[in-house]
Amino acid sequence: MAAIKRQYPKIKTVEDLASAARQRVATTFVLDIKTKAGMYPGDQTTADIIIIALDAQQRPISRITARGATEIRPYQPPRIREANDQALRELNGKAERLLR
């Protein structure tokens, strides 16, 4: 949200798309975060962050995606935080370039 709020400081959050429709919001951003932890050494732990912009009729008009990934090392946990941090850095960079 911080990446979007830097470009749109007056943005407000709503609980769901139905709330946005009731409020007649002109543009809605949907934030989708997917994290998948690998199980075995060599597997990937991934974090995907997707921001979808919808117009007033809630039709998709734009999308920004970011991904972070780490490889599980032997005898170590999956390092989900590291994958999330990578995805957030990528998203922040894209937001700086694209949300102007």
C-alpha atoms as a PDB file:
ATOM      1  CA  MET A   1       0.000   0.000   0.000  1.00  0.00           C
ATOM      2  CA  ALA A   2       2.856   2.391   0.709  1.00  0.00           C
ATOM      3  CA  ALA A   3       4.004   2.213  -2.928  1.00  0.00           C
ATOM      4  CA  ILE A   4       0.556   3.275  -4.094  1.00  0.00           C
ATOM      5  CA  LYS A   5       0.037   5.865  -1.330  1.00  0.00           C
ATOM      6  CA  ARG A   6       3.235   7.671  -2.326  1.00  0.00           C
ATOM      7  CA  GLN A   7       1.711   8.381  -5.733  1.00  0.00           C
ATOM      8  CA  TYR A   8      -1.914   8.722  -4.567  1.00  0.00           C
ATOM      9  CA  PRO A   9      -1.798  10.176  -1.032  1.00  0.00           C
ATOM     10  CA  LYS A  10      -5.594  10.637  -0.810  1.00  0.00           C
ATOM     11  CA  ILE A  11      -6.327   6.969  -1.544  1.00  0.00           C
ATOM     12  CA  LYS A  12      -8.591   5.190   0.938  1.00  0.00           C
ATOM     13  CA  THR A  13      -9.137   1.524   1.644  1.00  0.00           C
ATOM     14  CA  VAL A  14     -12.400  -0.379   1.289  1.00  0.00           C
ATOM     15  CA  GLU A  15     -13.286  -3.852   2.494  1.00  0.00           C
ATOM     16  CA  ASP A  16     -14.232  -5.325  -0.889  1.00  0.00           C
ATOM     17  CA  LEU A  17     -15.184  -4.552  -4.486  1.00  0.00           C
ATOM     18  CA  ALA A  18     -18.870  -4.268  -3.588  1.00  0.00           C
ATOM     19  CA  SER A  19     -18.030  -1.448  -1.169  1.00  0.00           C
ATOM     20  CA  ALA A  20     -16.061   0.343  -3.878  1.00  0.00           C
ATOM     21  CA  ALA A  21     -19.015   0.000  -6.264  1.00  0.00           C
ATOM     22  CA  ARG A  22     -21.459   1.369  -3.657  1.00  0.00           C
ATOM     23  CA  GLN A  23     -19.177   4.354  -3.097  1.00  0.00           C
ATOM     24  CA  ARG A  24     -18.878   4.881  -6.874  1.00  0.00           C
ATOM     25  CA  VAL A  25     -15.094   4.805  -6.776  1.00  0.00           C
ATOM     26  CA  ALA A  26     -13.589   5.883 -10.110  1.00  0.00           C
ATOM     27  CA  THR A  27     -10.474   3.678  -9.867  1.00  0.00           C
ATOM     28  CA  THR A  28     -10.003   0.683  -7.600  1.00  0.00           C
ATOM     29  CA  PHE A  29      -6.691  -1.029  -6.882  1.00  0.00           C
ATOM     30  CA  VAL A  30      -6.898  -4.687  -5.895  1.00  0.00           C
ATOM     31  CA  LEU A  31      -3.899  -6.025  -3.994  1.00  0.00           C
ATOM     32  CA  ASP A  32      -3.251  -9.767  -4.299  1.00  0.00           C
ATOM     33  CA  ILE A  33      -0.415 -11.380  -2.319  1.00  0.00           C
ATOM     34  CA  LYS A  34       0.507 -15.013  -2.857  1.00  0.00           C
ATOM     35  CA  THR A  35       3.202 -16.767  -0.861  1.00  0.00           C
ATOM     36  CA  LYS A  36       4.282 -20.349  -1.420  1.00  0.00           C
ATOM     37  CA  ALA A  37       6.847 -21.970   0.864  1.00  0.00           C
ATOM     38  CA  GLY A  38       8.953 -24.746  -0.585  1.00  0.00           C
ATOM     39  CA  MET A  39       9.265 -27.951   1.393  1.00  0.00           C
ATOM     40  CA  TYR A  40      12.608 -29.528   0.536  1.00  0.00           C
ATOM     41  CA  PRO A  41      16.172 -28.324  -0.046  1.00  0.00           C
ATOM     42  CA  GLY A  42      16.430 -26.903  -3.556  1.00  0.00           C
ATOM     43  CA  ASP A  43      12.723 -25.973  -3.683  1.00  0.00           C
ATOM     44  CA  GLN A  44      11.748 -22.357  -4.240  1.00  0.00           C
ATOM     45  CA  THR A  45       9.902 -20.223  -1.723  1.00  0.00           C
ATOM     46  CA  THR A  46       8.071 -17.549  -3.696  1.00  0.00           C
ATOM     47  CA  ALA A  47       6.154 -14.361  -3.001  1.00  0.00           C
ATOM     48  CA  ASP A  48       4.033 -12.739  -5.707  1.00  0.00           C
ATOM     49  CA  ILE A  49       2.460  -9.314  -5.305  1.00  0.00           C
ATOM     50  CA  ILE A  50      -0.052  -8.227  -7.911  1.00  0.00           C
ATOM     51  CA  ILE A  51      -1.805  -4.871  -8.085  1.00  0.00           C
ATOM     52  CA  ILE A  52      -4.735  -4.727 -10.492  1.00  0.00           C
ATOM     53  CA  ALA A  53      -6.275  -1.357 -11.366  1.00  0.00           C
ATOM     54  CA  LEU A  54      -9.996  -1.425 -12.151  1.00  0.00           C
ATOM     55  CA  ASP A  55     -12.041   1.351 -13.757  1.00  0.00           C
ATOM     56  CA  ALA A  56     -15.381   2.646 -12.446  1.00  0.00           C
ATOM     57  CA  GLN A  57     -17.164  -0.363 -13.988  1.00  0.00           C
ATOM     58  CA  GLN A  58     -14.630  -2.634 -12.253  1.00  0.00           C
ATOM     59  CA  ARG A  59     -13.008  -3.747 -15.489  1.00  0.00           C
ATOM     60  CA  PRO A  60      -9.242  -4.361 -15.330  1.00  0.00           C
ATOM     61  CA  ILE A  61      -7.283  -1.544 -16.944  1.00  0.00           C
ATOM     62  CA  SER A  62      -3.750  -2.170 -15.675  1.00  0.00           C
ATOM     63  CA  ARG A  63      -1.641  -4.622 -13.698  1.00  0.00           C
ATOM     64  CA  ILE A  64       1.683  -4.468 -11.893  1.00  0.00           C
ATOM     65  CA  THR A  65       3.341  -7.680 -10.763  1.00  0.00           C
ATOM     66  CA  ALA A  66       6.381  -8.337  -8.614  1.00  0.00           C
ATOM     67  CA  ARG A  67       8.046 -11.566  -7.519  1.00  0.00           C
ATOM     68  CA  GLY A  68      10.561 -12.606  -4.938  1.00  0.00           C
ATOM     69  CA  ALA A  69      12.085 -16.058  -4.600  1.00  0.00           C
ATOM     70  CA  THR A  70      14.581 -17.873  -2.421  1.00  0.00           C
ATOM     71  CA  GLU A  71      15.915 -21.399  -2.593  1.00  0.00           C
ATOM     72  CA  ILE A  72      15.630 -23.601   0.458  1.00  0.00           C
ATOM     73  CA  ARG A  73      19.011 -24.580   1.818  1.00  0.00           C
ATOM     74  CA  PRO A  74      19.594 -27.876   3.597  1.00  0.00           C
ATOM     75  CA  TYR A  75      18.549 -27.830   7.256  1.00  0.00           C
ATOM     76  CA  GLN A  76      17.112 -24.297   7.079  1.00  0.00           C
ATOM     77  CA  PRO A  77      13.547 -22.939   7.072  1.00  0.00           C
ATOM     78  CA  PRO A  78      12.056 -21.580   3.831  1.00  0.00           C
ATOM     79  CA  ARG A  79      12.961 -17.828   4.371  1.00  0.00           C
ATOM     80  CA  ILE A  80       9.526 -16.501   3.427  1.00  0.00           C
ATOM     81  CA  ARG A  81      10.365 -13.012   4.713  1.00  0.00           C
ATOM     82  CA  GLU A  82      13.317 -12.757   2.313  1.00  0.00           C
ATOM     83  CA  ALA A  83      11.109 -13.680  -0.668  1.00  0.00           C
ATOM     84  CA  ASN A  84       8.490 -11.120   0.453  1.00  0.00           C
ATOM     85  CA  ASP A  85      11.138  -8.407   0.827  1.00  0.00           C
ATOM     86  CA  GLN A  86      12.438  -9.101  -2.691  1.00  0.00           C
ATOM     87  CA  ALA A  87       8.923  -8.818  -4.126  1.00  0.00           C
ATOM     88  CA  LEU A  88       8.300  -5.565  -2.237  1.00  0.00           C
ATOM     89  CA  ARG A  89      11.559  -4.040  -3.531  1.00  0.00           C
ATOM     90  CA  GLU A  90      10.609  -4.977  -7.090  1.00  0.00           C
ATOM     91  CA  LEU A  91       7.091  -3.595  -6.615  1.00  0.00           C
ATOM     92  CA  ASN A  92       8.407  -0.311  -5.187  1.00  0.00           C
ATOM     93  CA  GLY A  93      10.721   0.126  -8.176  1.00  0.00           C
ATOM     94  CA  LYS A  94       7.926  -0.527 -10.645  1.00  0.00           C
ATOM     95  CA  ALA A  95       5.523   1.752  -8.776  1.00  0.00           C
ATOM     96  CA  GLU A  96       8.072   4.581  -8.906  1.00  0.00           C
ATOM     97  CA  ARG A  97       8.303   4.213 -12.690  1.00  0.00           C
ATOM     98  CA  LEU A  98       4.704   3.365 -13.576  1.00  0.00           C
ATOM     99  CA  LEU A  99       2.414   5.147 -11.101  1.00  0.00           C
ATOM    100  CA  ARG A 100       3.001   8.736 -12.169  1.00  0.00           C
END
